[in-house]
Amino acid sequence: MKEPIDWNDHYRSGNLPWDTGVPSSELQLALSRHNIPPCRAIEIGCGTGTNCVWLAQQGFEVTGIDLAPLAVEQAQERARGAGVKAHFAVADVLQLPDLAGPFAFFFDRGCYHAVRLTAPQQYAPAVARQLASGARGLILAGNAREPHDPGPPVVTEEQMRDELGLAFRILDLHECRFDEAPGVPIRFLGWSCLVEKR
């Protein structure tokens, strides 16, 4: 049996192939394209806080969660350095504490495709519990049409529709390329999935 990933080790060693250091271009496109106004938002798997800081700069009241305490520490430092207000918490998306929701928007760049490897039916209901009625969210995930090792975990369109459909209506699902991270010359093929809570 495969050992569970110690995400803290990644942040301790600086081995962060997903951390681009710039706000997600797909997030920026989605907010503009779908006219999502500033609101209470949560980022699931916030990492070092780049996207949380950017959302806060756009006027969102943002909370970021991550499983790795070191990631949360780095996110807090990034927010302080940028002079923005954002709340961060160490938390497991499948067992979220009271985060003073509900939230009207969520962003997930890579948490879903990791969680679904062991709990494919649990992700969508767990996230939906934190959301207001009609809340929308953007999920970025690795695309099974182009698996890479090393690379992000991948998922098929059918799997996404089945698993996310447990709690969400899919508004837009299309292929995209992940932003390039320092030291990782490949822009991996992904899915960009805009959802709305049922």
N, C-alpha and C. Protein backbone atom coordinates (compact mmCIF):
# COMPACT_ATOMS: atom_id res chain seq x y z
N MET A 1 0.85 -1.20 0.00
CA MET A 1 0.00 0.00 0.00
C MET A 1 0.89 1.25 0.00
N LYS A 2 0.48 2.24 -0.81
CA LYS A 2 1.26 3.46 -0.94
C LYS A 2 1.17 4.30 0.33
N GLU A 3 2.32 4.82 0.76
CA GLU A 3 2.34 5.69 1.95
C GLU A 3 1.61 7.00 1.66
N PRO A 4 0.84 7.52 2.61
CA PRO A 4 0.19 8.82 2.38
C PRO A 4 1.24 9.91 2.23
N ILE A 5 0.93 10.89 1.41
CA ILE A 5 1.85 12.00 1.17
C ILE A 5 1.92 12.88 2.41
N ASP A 6 3.15 13.23 2.83
CA ASP A 6 3.32 14.22 3.89
C ASP A 6 3.53 15.57 3.20
N TRP A 7 2.44 16.33 3.09
CA TRP A 7 2.51 17.59 2.36
C TRP A 7 3.46 18.58 3.03
N ASN A 8 3.58 18.48 4.35
CA ASN A 8 4.49 19.38 5.06
C ASN A 8 5.92 19.21 4.58
N ASP A 9 6.31 17.96 4.25
CA ASP A 9 7.66 17.70 3.75
C ASP A 9 7.94 18.50 2.48
N HIS A 10 6.92 18.61 1.62
CA HIS A 10 7.10 19.37 0.38
C HIS A 10 7.43 20.83 0.69
N TYR A 11 6.72 21.40 1.67
CA TYR A 11 6.94 22.81 2.00
C TYR A 11 8.25 23.00 2.76
N ARG A 12 8.66 21.98 3.53
CA ARG A 12 9.93 22.04 4.25
C ARG A 12 11.10 22.02 3.27
N SER A 13 10.99 21.18 2.22
CA SER A 13 12.09 21.01 1.26
C SER A 13 12.03 22.01 0.11
N GLY A 14 10.85 22.66 -0.05
CA GLY A 14 10.69 23.58 -1.18
C GLY A 14 10.38 22.87 -2.48
N ASN A 15 10.04 21.57 -2.40
CA ASN A 15 9.67 20.79 -3.59
C ASN A 15 8.19 21.02 -3.88
N LEU A 16 7.90 22.11 -4.60
CA LEU A 16 6.52 22.55 -4.82
C LEU A 16 6.26 22.74 -6.32
N PRO A 17 6.18 21.64 -7.07
CA PRO A 17 6.04 21.76 -8.52
C PRO A 17 4.73 22.40 -8.97
N TRP A 18 3.78 22.55 -8.04
CA TRP A 18 2.50 23.18 -8.38
C TRP A 18 2.48 24.68 -8.05
N ASP A 19 3.50 25.16 -7.36
CA ASP A 19 3.49 26.54 -6.87
C ASP A 19 4.11 27.47 -7.90
N THR A 20 3.27 28.16 -8.67
CA THR A 20 3.76 29.02 -9.75
C THR A 20 4.26 30.36 -9.23
N GLY A 21 3.79 30.76 -8.04
CA GLY A 21 4.16 32.06 -7.50
C GLY A 21 3.38 33.22 -8.11
N VAL A 22 2.47 32.92 -9.03
CA VAL A 22 1.62 33.96 -9.64
C VAL A 22 0.17 33.50 -9.56
N PRO A 23 -0.78 34.45 -9.53
CA PRO A 23 -2.19 34.06 -9.46
C PRO A 23 -2.59 33.21 -10.68
N SER A 24 -3.46 32.26 -10.46
CA SER A 24 -3.91 31.36 -11.52
C SER A 24 -4.56 32.13 -12.67
N SER A 25 -4.03 31.94 -13.88
CA SER A 25 -4.63 32.62 -15.04
C SER A 25 -6.04 32.12 -15.29
N GLU A 26 -6.29 30.84 -15.01
CA GLU A 26 -7.63 30.28 -15.23
C GLU A 26 -8.63 30.86 -14.23
N LEU A 27 -8.19 31.10 -13.00
CA LEU A 27 -9.05 31.74 -12.00
C LEU A 27 -9.41 33.16 -12.47
N GLN A 28 -8.41 33.90 -12.92
CA GLN A 28 -8.67 35.26 -13.38
C GLN A 28 -9.65 35.28 -14.55
N LEU A 29 -9.46 34.35 -15.49
CA LEU A 29 -10.36 34.25 -16.64
C LEU A 29 -11.79 33.92 -16.21
N ALA A 30 -11.92 32.96 -15.31
CA ALA A 30 -13.25 32.51 -14.89
C ALA A 30 -14.03 33.62 -14.18
N LEU A 31 -13.35 34.36 -13.30
CA LEU A 31 -14.04 35.44 -12.59
C LEU A 31 -14.54 36.50 -13.56
N SER A 32 -13.72 36.79 -14.57
CA SER A 32 -14.09 37.79 -15.57
C SER A 32 -15.19 37.27 -16.50
N ARG A 33 -14.99 36.07 -17.02
CA ARG A 33 -15.90 35.49 -18.01
C ARG A 33 -17.29 35.25 -17.43
N HIS A 34 -17.34 34.86 -16.15
CA HIS A 34 -18.63 34.48 -15.54
C HIS A 34 -19.15 35.54 -14.58
N ASN A 35 -18.54 36.73 -14.64
CA ASN A 35 -19.02 37.87 -13.83
C ASN A 35 -19.23 37.51 -12.36
N ILE A 36 -18.20 36.93 -11.76
CA ILE A 36 -18.27 36.57 -10.34
C ILE A 36 -17.75 37.75 -9.53
N PRO A 37 -18.63 38.41 -8.78
CA PRO A 37 -18.21 39.62 -8.05
C PRO A 37 -17.51 39.26 -6.74
N PRO A 38 -16.80 40.19 -6.14
CA PRO A 38 -16.19 39.95 -4.83
C PRO A 38 -17.24 39.49 -3.82
N CYS A 39 -16.88 38.50 -3.02
CA CYS A 39 -17.81 37.90 -2.06
C CYS A 39 -17.00 37.14 -1.02
N ARG A 40 -17.67 36.43 -0.13
CA ARG A 40 -16.95 35.56 0.81
C ARG A 40 -16.50 34.33 0.05
N ALA A 41 -15.20 34.05 0.09
CA ALA A 41 -14.63 32.97 -0.73
C ALA A 41 -13.69 32.12 0.10
N ILE A 42 -13.56 30.87 -0.32
CA ILE A 42 -12.63 29.94 0.32
C ILE A 42 -11.77 29.29 -0.75
N GLU A 43 -10.47 29.21 -0.48
CA GLU A 43 -9.59 28.43 -1.36
C GLU A 43 -9.23 27.14 -0.65
N ILE A 44 -9.47 26.04 -1.34
CA ILE A 44 -9.22 24.71 -0.78
C ILE A 44 -7.86 24.23 -1.29
N GLY A 45 -6.93 24.01 -0.37
CA GLY A 45 -5.56 23.70 -0.76
C GLY A 45 -4.86 24.97 -1.20
N CYS A 46 -4.77 25.93 -0.28
CA CYS A 46 -4.29 27.27 -0.64
C CYS A 46 -2.78 27.34 -0.82
N GLY A 47 -2.03 26.33 -0.36
CA GLY A 47 -0.58 26.38 -0.52
C GLY A 47 0.01 27.62 0.13
N THR A 48 0.88 28.29 -0.60
CA THR A 48 1.58 29.46 -0.04
C THR A 48 0.77 30.75 -0.16
N GLY A 49 -0.48 30.64 -0.58
CA GLY A 49 -1.41 31.77 -0.49
C GLY A 49 -1.44 32.73 -1.66
N THR A 50 -0.80 32.40 -2.77
CA THR A 50 -0.75 33.32 -3.91
C THR A 50 -2.15 33.72 -4.38
N ASN A 51 -3.02 32.73 -4.56
CA ASN A 51 -4.36 33.02 -5.07
C ASN A 51 -5.24 33.70 -4.03
N CYS A 52 -5.06 33.34 -2.76
CA CYS A 52 -5.82 34.02 -1.69
C CYS A 52 -5.47 35.50 -1.65
N VAL A 53 -4.19 35.80 -1.75
CA VAL A 53 -3.76 37.20 -1.72
C VAL A 53 -4.35 37.94 -2.91
N TRP A 54 -4.30 37.34 -4.08
CA TRP A 54 -4.85 37.99 -5.27
C TRP A 54 -6.36 38.21 -5.12
N LEU A 55 -7.07 37.21 -4.61
CA LEU A 55 -8.52 37.37 -4.40
C LEU A 55 -8.81 38.51 -3.42
N ALA A 56 -8.03 38.56 -2.34
CA ALA A 56 -8.21 39.64 -1.36
C ALA A 56 -7.97 41.01 -2.01
N GLN A 57 -6.98 41.07 -2.90
CA GLN A 57 -6.69 42.33 -3.60
C GLN A 57 -7.83 42.74 -4.53
N GLN A 58 -8.65 41.76 -4.95
CA GLN A 58 -9.79 42.06 -5.81
C GLN A 58 -11.05 42.39 -5.00
N GLY A 59 -10.92 42.35 -3.66
CA GLY A 59 -12.06 42.70 -2.81
C GLY A 59 -12.80 41.53 -2.21
N PHE A 60 -12.31 40.31 -2.42
CA PHE A 60 -12.94 39.14 -1.82
C PHE A 60 -12.59 39.05 -0.34
N GLU A 61 -13.53 38.55 0.46
CA GLU A 61 -13.26 38.23 1.87
C GLU A 61 -12.88 36.76 1.89
N VAL A 62 -11.58 36.48 1.97
CA VAL A 62 -11.09 35.16 1.62
C VAL A 62 -10.53 34.39 2.81
N THR A 63 -10.82 33.09 2.80
CA THR A 63 -10.27 32.12 3.75
C THR A 63 -9.53 31.06 2.95
N GLY A 64 -8.31 30.73 3.35
CA GLY A 64 -7.56 29.67 2.70
C GLY A 64 -7.32 28.53 3.67
N ILE A 65 -7.50 27.30 3.21
CA ILE A 65 -7.20 26.14 4.05
C ILE A 65 -6.18 25.26 3.35
N ASP A 66 -5.36 24.60 4.15
CA ASP A 66 -4.40 23.64 3.62
C ASP A 66 -4.11 22.61 4.68
N LEU A 67 -3.77 21.42 4.24
CA LEU A 67 -3.45 20.32 5.15
C LEU A 67 -2.08 20.50 5.80
N ALA A 68 -1.21 21.27 5.14
CA ALA A 68 0.17 21.42 5.61
C ALA A 68 0.33 22.68 6.46
N PRO A 69 0.67 22.54 7.74
CA PRO A 69 0.89 23.72 8.58
C PRO A 69 1.93 24.68 8.02
N LEU A 70 2.99 24.16 7.40
CA LEU A 70 4.01 25.04 6.83
C LEU A 70 3.47 25.87 5.67
N ALA A 71 2.57 25.28 4.89
CA ALA A 71 1.93 26.03 3.80
C ALA A 71 1.14 27.20 4.37
N VAL A 72 0.38 26.93 5.43
CA VAL A 72 -0.44 27.97 6.04
C VAL A 72 0.44 29.09 6.62
N GLU A 73 1.56 28.71 7.25
CA GLU A 73 2.49 29.72 7.77
C GLU A 73 3.01 30.60 6.64
N GLN A 74 3.38 29.98 5.52
CA GLN A 74 3.91 30.74 4.39
C GLN A 74 2.83 31.63 3.77
N ALA A 75 1.59 31.13 3.75
CA ALA A 75 0.47 31.92 3.22
C ALA A 75 0.21 33.15 4.10
N GLN A 76 0.27 32.95 5.40
CA GLN A 76 0.08 34.08 6.33
C GLN A 76 1.16 35.14 6.12
N GLU A 77 2.40 34.69 5.94
CA GLU A 77 3.51 35.62 5.70
C GLU A 77 3.31 36.37 4.38
N ARG A 78 2.84 35.65 3.35
CA ARG A 78 2.61 36.28 2.05
C ARG A 78 1.53 37.37 2.16
N ALA A 79 0.45 37.06 2.88
CA ALA A 79 -0.64 38.03 3.04
C ALA A 79 -0.16 39.26 3.81
N ARG A 80 0.61 39.02 4.88
CA ARG A 80 1.16 40.16 5.65
C ARG A 80 2.06 41.02 4.77
N GLY A 81 2.91 40.36 3.98
CA GLY A 81 3.83 41.08 3.11
C GLY A 81 3.11 41.89 2.04
N ALA A 82 1.94 41.39 1.62
CA ALA A 82 1.17 42.10 0.59
C ALA A 82 0.23 43.14 1.19
N GLY A 83 0.13 43.14 2.53
CA GLY A 83 -0.73 44.10 3.20
C GLY A 83 -2.21 43.85 3.00
N VAL A 84 -2.59 42.57 2.84
CA VAL A 84 -4.01 42.25 2.67
C VAL A 84 -4.51 41.42 3.84
N LYS A 85 -5.81 41.47 4.03
CA LYS A 85 -6.44 40.69 5.09
C LYS A 85 -6.99 39.40 4.51
N ALA A 86 -6.52 38.29 5.04
CA ALA A 86 -7.01 36.98 4.63
C ALA A 86 -6.90 36.06 5.84
N HIS A 87 -7.82 35.14 5.94
CA HIS A 87 -7.81 34.18 7.05
C HIS A 87 -7.30 32.84 6.53
N PHE A 88 -6.47 32.18 7.32
CA PHE A 88 -5.93 30.87 6.92
C PHE A 88 -6.11 29.88 8.06
N ALA A 89 -6.32 28.61 7.69
CA ALA A 89 -6.49 27.56 8.69
C ALA A 89 -5.89 26.26 8.18
N VAL A 90 -5.29 25.50 9.11
CA VAL A 90 -4.83 24.15 8.79
C VAL A 90 -6.05 23.24 8.90
N ALA A 91 -6.42 22.59 7.80
CA ALA A 91 -7.63 21.79 7.81
C ALA A 91 -7.62 20.76 6.69
N ASP A 92 -8.33 19.66 6.93
CA ASP A 92 -8.56 18.61 5.94
C ASP A 92 -9.90 18.90 5.28
N VAL A 93 -9.93 18.98 3.97
CA VAL A 93 -11.17 19.33 3.26
C VAL A 93 -12.31 18.36 3.58
N LEU A 94 -11.99 17.12 3.93
CA LEU A 94 -13.03 16.15 4.22
C LEU A 94 -13.54 16.24 5.66
N GLN A 95 -12.83 17.00 6.50
CA GLN A 95 -13.24 17.16 7.91
C GLN A 95 -13.04 18.62 8.31
N LEU A 96 -13.73 19.49 7.61
CA LEU A 96 -13.52 20.92 7.84
C LEU A 96 -14.11 21.37 9.17
N PRO A 97 -13.38 22.22 9.90
CA PRO A 97 -13.92 22.80 11.13
C PRO A 97 -14.91 23.90 10.77
N ASP A 98 -15.47 24.55 11.75
CA ASP A 98 -16.33 25.70 11.52
C ASP A 98 -15.48 26.86 11.01
N LEU A 99 -15.70 27.24 9.78
CA LEU A 99 -14.90 28.30 9.16
C LEU A 99 -15.68 29.60 9.04
N ALA A 100 -16.76 29.70 9.80
CA ALA A 100 -17.59 30.91 9.81
C ALA A 100 -18.14 31.22 8.42
N GLY A 101 -18.56 30.17 7.73
CA GLY A 101 -19.20 30.34 6.43
C GLY A 101 -20.62 30.82 6.61
N PRO A 102 -21.47 30.68 5.61
CA PRO A 102 -21.18 30.01 4.35
C PRO A 102 -20.46 30.93 3.36
N PHE A 103 -19.84 30.30 2.35
CA PHE A 103 -19.09 31.01 1.34
C PHE A 103 -19.88 31.02 0.03
N ALA A 104 -19.69 32.08 -0.75
CA ALA A 104 -20.41 32.22 -2.02
C ALA A 104 -19.57 31.76 -3.22
N PHE A 105 -18.25 31.56 -2.97
CA PHE A 105 -17.36 31.12 -4.06
C PHE A 105 -16.24 30.30 -3.45
N PHE A 106 -15.78 29.28 -4.20
CA PHE A 106 -14.57 28.56 -3.76
C PHE A 106 -13.68 28.32 -4.96
N PHE A 107 -12.39 28.17 -4.67
CA PHE A 107 -11.40 27.88 -5.70
C PHE A 107 -10.56 26.70 -5.23
N ASP A 108 -10.29 25.80 -6.16
CA ASP A 108 -9.50 24.60 -5.86
C ASP A 108 -8.59 24.33 -7.05
N ARG A 109 -7.31 24.58 -6.85
CA ARG A 109 -6.32 24.29 -7.89
C ARG A 109 -5.52 23.08 -7.46
N GLY A 110 -6.13 21.90 -7.61
CA GLY A 110 -5.35 20.68 -7.39
C GLY A 110 -5.65 19.89 -6.13
N CYS A 111 -6.57 20.35 -5.28
CA CYS A 111 -6.91 19.55 -4.10
C CYS A 111 -7.83 18.38 -4.48
N TYR A 112 -8.85 18.69 -5.25
CA TYR A 112 -9.81 17.64 -5.65
C TYR A 112 -9.12 16.44 -6.29
N HIS A 113 -8.21 16.69 -7.24
CA HIS A 113 -7.62 15.55 -7.95
C HIS A 113 -6.71 14.71 -7.06
N ALA A 114 -6.24 15.28 -5.94
CA ALA A 114 -5.46 14.48 -4.98
C ALA A 114 -6.39 13.74 -4.01
N VAL A 115 -7.41 14.42 -3.52
CA VAL A 115 -8.34 13.81 -2.56
C VAL A 115 -9.10 12.65 -3.18
N ARG A 116 -9.48 12.78 -4.45
CA ARG A 116 -10.32 11.77 -5.08
C ARG A 116 -9.61 10.43 -5.26
N LEU A 117 -8.28 10.43 -5.15
CA LEU A 117 -7.54 9.16 -5.28
C LEU A 117 -7.94 8.17 -4.19
N THR A 118 -8.33 8.70 -3.02
CA THR A 118 -8.74 7.81 -1.92
C THR A 118 -10.19 8.00 -1.50
N ALA A 119 -10.80 9.14 -1.85
CA ALA A 119 -12.17 9.41 -1.39
C ALA A 119 -12.97 10.12 -2.48
N PRO A 120 -13.19 9.45 -3.63
CA PRO A 120 -13.82 10.14 -4.76
C PRO A 120 -15.25 10.60 -4.51
N GLN A 121 -15.97 9.93 -3.60
CA GLN A 121 -17.37 10.29 -3.35
C GLN A 121 -17.54 11.31 -2.22
N GLN A 122 -16.45 11.62 -1.53
CA GLN A 122 -16.58 12.46 -0.33
C GLN A 122 -16.30 13.94 -0.56
N TYR A 123 -15.52 14.25 -1.59
CA TYR A 123 -15.08 15.62 -1.80
C TYR A 123 -16.25 16.59 -1.99
N ALA A 124 -17.10 16.35 -2.98
CA ALA A 124 -18.15 17.31 -3.33
C ALA A 124 -19.10 17.59 -2.15
N PRO A 125 -19.62 16.57 -1.46
CA PRO A 125 -20.50 16.86 -0.32
C PRO A 125 -19.80 17.64 0.79
N ALA A 126 -18.51 17.34 1.03
CA ALA A 126 -17.77 18.03 2.09
C ALA A 126 -17.61 19.52 1.77
N VAL A 127 -17.29 19.84 0.53
CA VAL A 127 -17.14 21.23 0.12
C VAL A 127 -18.49 21.94 0.15
N ALA A 128 -19.51 21.28 -0.38
CA ALA A 128 -20.84 21.90 -0.47
C ALA A 128 -21.38 22.32 0.89
N ARG A 129 -21.02 21.58 1.94
CA ARG A 129 -21.49 21.93 3.28
C ARG A 129 -21.02 23.31 3.73
N GLN A 130 -19.94 23.81 3.14
CA GLN A 130 -19.37 25.11 3.52
C GLN A 130 -19.96 26.27 2.72
N LEU A 131 -20.83 25.95 1.76
CA LEU A 131 -21.25 26.94 0.79
C LEU A 131 -22.69 27.40 0.97
N ALA A 132 -22.93 28.63 0.56
CA ALA A 132 -24.28 29.17 0.52
C ALA A 132 -25.04 28.54 -0.64
N SER A 133 -26.35 28.59 -0.58
CA SER A 133 -27.17 28.09 -1.68
C SER A 133 -26.83 28.84 -2.96
N GLY A 134 -26.62 28.11 -4.05
CA GLY A 134 -26.29 28.74 -5.33
C GLY A 134 -24.86 29.20 -5.47
N ALA A 135 -24.01 28.92 -4.47
CA ALA A 135 -22.59 29.30 -4.54
C ALA A 135 -21.93 28.64 -5.74
N ARG A 136 -20.95 29.33 -6.29
CA ARG A 136 -20.19 28.78 -7.41
C ARG A 136 -18.75 28.50 -7.00
N GLY A 137 -18.09 27.67 -7.78
CA GLY A 137 -16.70 27.35 -7.50
C GLY A 137 -15.97 26.97 -8.76
N LEU A 138 -14.65 27.12 -8.74
CA LEU A 138 -13.80 26.73 -9.86
C LEU A 138 -12.81 25.68 -9.38
N ILE A 139 -12.82 24.55 -10.07
CA ILE A 139 -11.93 23.43 -9.74
C ILE A 139 -11.01 23.17 -10.92
N LEU A 140 -9.70 23.16 -10.67
CA LEU A 140 -8.72 22.79 -11.69
C LEU A 140 -8.16 21.42 -11.33
N ALA A 141 -8.12 20.53 -12.31
CA ALA A 141 -7.66 19.16 -12.06
C ALA A 141 -6.88 18.64 -13.24
N GLY A 142 -6.00 17.68 -12.98
CA GLY A 142 -5.22 17.05 -14.04
C GLY A 142 -6.12 16.28 -14.99
N ASN A 143 -5.74 16.27 -16.26
CA ASN A 143 -6.56 15.67 -17.31
C ASN A 143 -6.00 14.31 -17.72
N ALA A 144 -6.85 13.27 -17.66
CA ALA A 144 -6.40 11.90 -17.94
C ALA A 144 -6.01 11.68 -19.40
N ARG A 145 -6.30 12.64 -20.27
CA ARG A 145 -5.89 12.47 -21.66
C ARG A 145 -4.37 12.63 -21.83
N GLU A 146 -3.72 13.27 -20.85
CA GLU A 146 -2.26 13.46 -20.90
C GLU A 146 -1.64 13.19 -19.54
N PRO A 147 -1.59 11.92 -19.12
CA PRO A 147 -0.96 11.65 -17.82
C PRO A 147 0.56 11.84 -17.90
N HIS A 148 1.14 12.35 -16.82
CA HIS A 148 2.59 12.53 -16.73
C HIS A 148 3.05 12.02 -15.38
N ASP A 149 4.23 11.42 -15.35
CA ASP A 149 4.82 11.00 -14.08
C ASP A 149 6.30 11.41 -14.10
N PRO A 150 6.69 12.42 -13.33
CA PRO A 150 5.86 13.13 -12.35
C PRO A 150 4.91 14.11 -13.02
N GLY A 151 3.87 14.41 -12.32
CA GLY A 151 2.85 15.33 -12.81
C GLY A 151 1.64 15.26 -11.91
N PRO A 152 0.63 16.06 -12.19
CA PRO A 152 -0.55 16.08 -11.32
C PRO A 152 -1.35 14.78 -11.45
N PRO A 153 -2.07 14.38 -10.40
CA PRO A 153 -3.02 13.28 -10.56
C PRO A 153 -4.02 13.65 -11.65
N VAL A 154 -4.54 12.65 -12.35
CA VAL A 154 -5.43 12.93 -13.47
C VAL A 154 -6.80 12.30 -13.26
N VAL A 155 -7.77 12.86 -13.96
CA VAL A 155 -9.16 12.43 -13.85
C VAL A 155 -9.81 12.55 -15.23
N THR A 156 -10.78 11.69 -15.51
CA THR A 156 -11.48 11.77 -16.79
C THR A 156 -12.68 12.71 -16.66
N GLU A 157 -13.20 13.14 -17.80
CA GLU A 157 -14.39 13.99 -17.79
C GLU A 157 -15.56 13.27 -17.13
N GLU A 158 -15.73 11.99 -17.45
CA GLU A 158 -16.84 11.22 -16.87
C GLU A 158 -16.72 11.13 -15.35
N GLN A 159 -15.49 10.89 -14.85
CA GLN A 159 -15.29 10.83 -13.40
C GLN A 159 -15.63 12.16 -12.74
N MET A 160 -15.20 13.26 -13.36
CA MET A 160 -15.50 14.58 -12.79
C MET A 160 -17.01 14.81 -12.73
N ARG A 161 -17.69 14.50 -13.82
CA ARG A 161 -19.14 14.72 -13.86
C ARG A 161 -19.86 13.87 -12.81
N ASP A 162 -19.42 12.61 -12.66
CA ASP A 162 -20.05 11.72 -11.68
C ASP A 162 -19.78 12.19 -10.25
N GLU A 163 -18.51 12.49 -9.95
CA GLU A 163 -18.11 12.79 -8.57
C GLU A 163 -18.55 14.19 -8.13
N LEU A 164 -18.34 15.17 -8.97
CA LEU A 164 -18.75 16.53 -8.61
C LEU A 164 -20.26 16.68 -8.67
N GLY A 165 -20.89 15.90 -9.54
CA GLY A 165 -22.34 15.94 -9.68
C GLY A 165 -23.10 15.50 -8.44
N LEU A 166 -22.40 14.92 -7.47
CA LEU A 166 -23.05 14.52 -6.22
C LEU A 166 -23.60 15.73 -5.46
N ALA A 167 -22.98 16.90 -5.67
CA ALA A 167 -23.42 18.08 -4.93
C ALA A 167 -23.50 19.34 -5.79
N PHE A 168 -22.98 19.25 -7.03
CA PHE A 168 -22.89 20.44 -7.86
C PHE A 168 -23.49 20.23 -9.24
N ARG A 169 -23.92 21.34 -9.81
CA ARG A 169 -24.29 21.39 -11.22
C ARG A 169 -23.09 21.95 -11.96
N ILE A 170 -22.68 21.30 -13.03
CA ILE A 170 -21.52 21.78 -13.79
C ILE A 170 -21.98 22.82 -14.80
N LEU A 171 -21.44 24.03 -14.67
CA LEU A 171 -21.82 25.14 -15.54
C LEU A 171 -20.92 25.23 -16.76
N ASP A 172 -19.65 24.87 -16.57
CA ASP A 172 -18.67 24.97 -17.67
C ASP A 172 -17.54 23.99 -17.38
N LEU A 173 -17.22 23.16 -18.35
CA LEU A 173 -16.11 22.22 -18.20
C LEU A 173 -15.32 22.22 -19.50
N HIS A 174 -14.07 22.64 -19.42
CA HIS A 174 -13.25 22.67 -20.62
C HIS A 174 -11.79 22.36 -20.27
N GLU A 175 -11.04 21.98 -21.29
CA GLU A 175 -9.62 21.70 -21.10
C GLU A 175 -8.84 23.01 -21.01
N CYS A 176 -7.77 22.97 -20.25
CA CYS A 176 -6.90 24.13 -20.11
C CYS A 176 -5.49 23.63 -19.85
N ARG A 177 -4.55 24.53 -19.77
CA ARG A 177 -3.18 24.19 -19.40
C ARG A 177 -2.86 24.84 -18.06
N PHE A 178 -2.29 24.07 -17.15
CA PHE A 178 -1.84 24.65 -15.89
C PHE A 178 -0.74 25.68 -16.17
N ASP A 179 -0.71 26.73 -15.36
CA ASP A 179 0.36 27.72 -15.48
C ASP A 179 1.69 27.03 -15.19
N GLU A 180 2.75 27.50 -15.86
CA GLU A 180 4.07 26.91 -15.68
C GLU A 180 4.66 27.31 -14.33
N ALA A 181 5.20 26.34 -13.63
CA ALA A 181 5.85 26.59 -12.34
C ALA A 181 7.37 26.67 -12.55
N PRO A 182 8.07 27.43 -11.69
CA PRO A 182 9.53 27.51 -11.81
C PRO A 182 10.17 26.13 -11.75
N GLY A 183 11.04 25.85 -12.70
CA GLY A 183 11.74 24.56 -12.72
C GLY A 183 10.95 23.42 -13.32
N VAL A 184 9.69 23.70 -13.72
CA VAL A 184 8.85 22.66 -14.34
C VAL A 184 8.44 23.17 -15.72
N PRO A 185 9.17 22.77 -16.77
CA PRO A 185 8.96 23.37 -18.08
C PRO A 185 7.67 22.94 -18.79
N ILE A 186 6.98 21.94 -18.24
CA ILE A 186 5.76 21.44 -18.90
C ILE A 186 4.54 22.17 -18.36
N ARG A 187 3.66 22.61 -19.26
CA ARG A 187 2.35 23.12 -18.85
C ARG A 187 1.37 21.95 -18.99
N PHE A 188 1.09 21.30 -17.87
CA PHE A 188 0.29 20.08 -17.90
C PHE A 188 -1.15 20.36 -18.35
N LEU A 189 -1.72 19.40 -19.08
CA LEU A 189 -3.11 19.50 -19.50
C LEU A 189 -4.02 19.30 -18.29
N GLY A 190 -5.00 20.16 -18.18
CA GLY A 190 -5.92 20.07 -17.05
C GLY A 190 -7.36 20.25 -17.47
N TRP A 191 -8.22 20.22 -16.47
CA TRP A 191 -9.63 20.55 -16.62
C TRP A 191 -9.90 21.83 -15.84
N SER A 192 -10.72 22.69 -16.40
CA SER A 192 -11.24 23.84 -15.69
C SER A 192 -12.74 23.62 -15.57
N CYS A 193 -13.21 23.52 -14.34
CA CYS A 193 -14.60 23.15 -14.11
C CYS A 193 -15.29 24.17 -13.20
N LEU A 194 -16.24 24.90 -13.75
CA LEU A 194 -17.03 25.84 -12.97
C LEU A 194 -18.30 25.13 -12.53
N VAL A 195 -18.57 25.16 -11.23
CA VAL A 195 -19.72 24.44 -10.67
C VAL A 195 -20.60 25.40 -9.86
N GLU A 196 -21.82 24.95 -9.63
CA GLU A 196 -22.77 25.69 -8.79
C GLU A 196 -23.40 24.70 -7.81
N LYS A 197 -23.48 25.08 -6.57
CA LYS A 197 -24.08 24.20 -5.57
C LYS A 197 -25.55 23.94 -5.91
N ARG A 198 -25.92 22.68 -5.85
CA ARG A 198 -27.32 22.31 -6.14
C ARG A 198 -28.24 22.80 -5.05
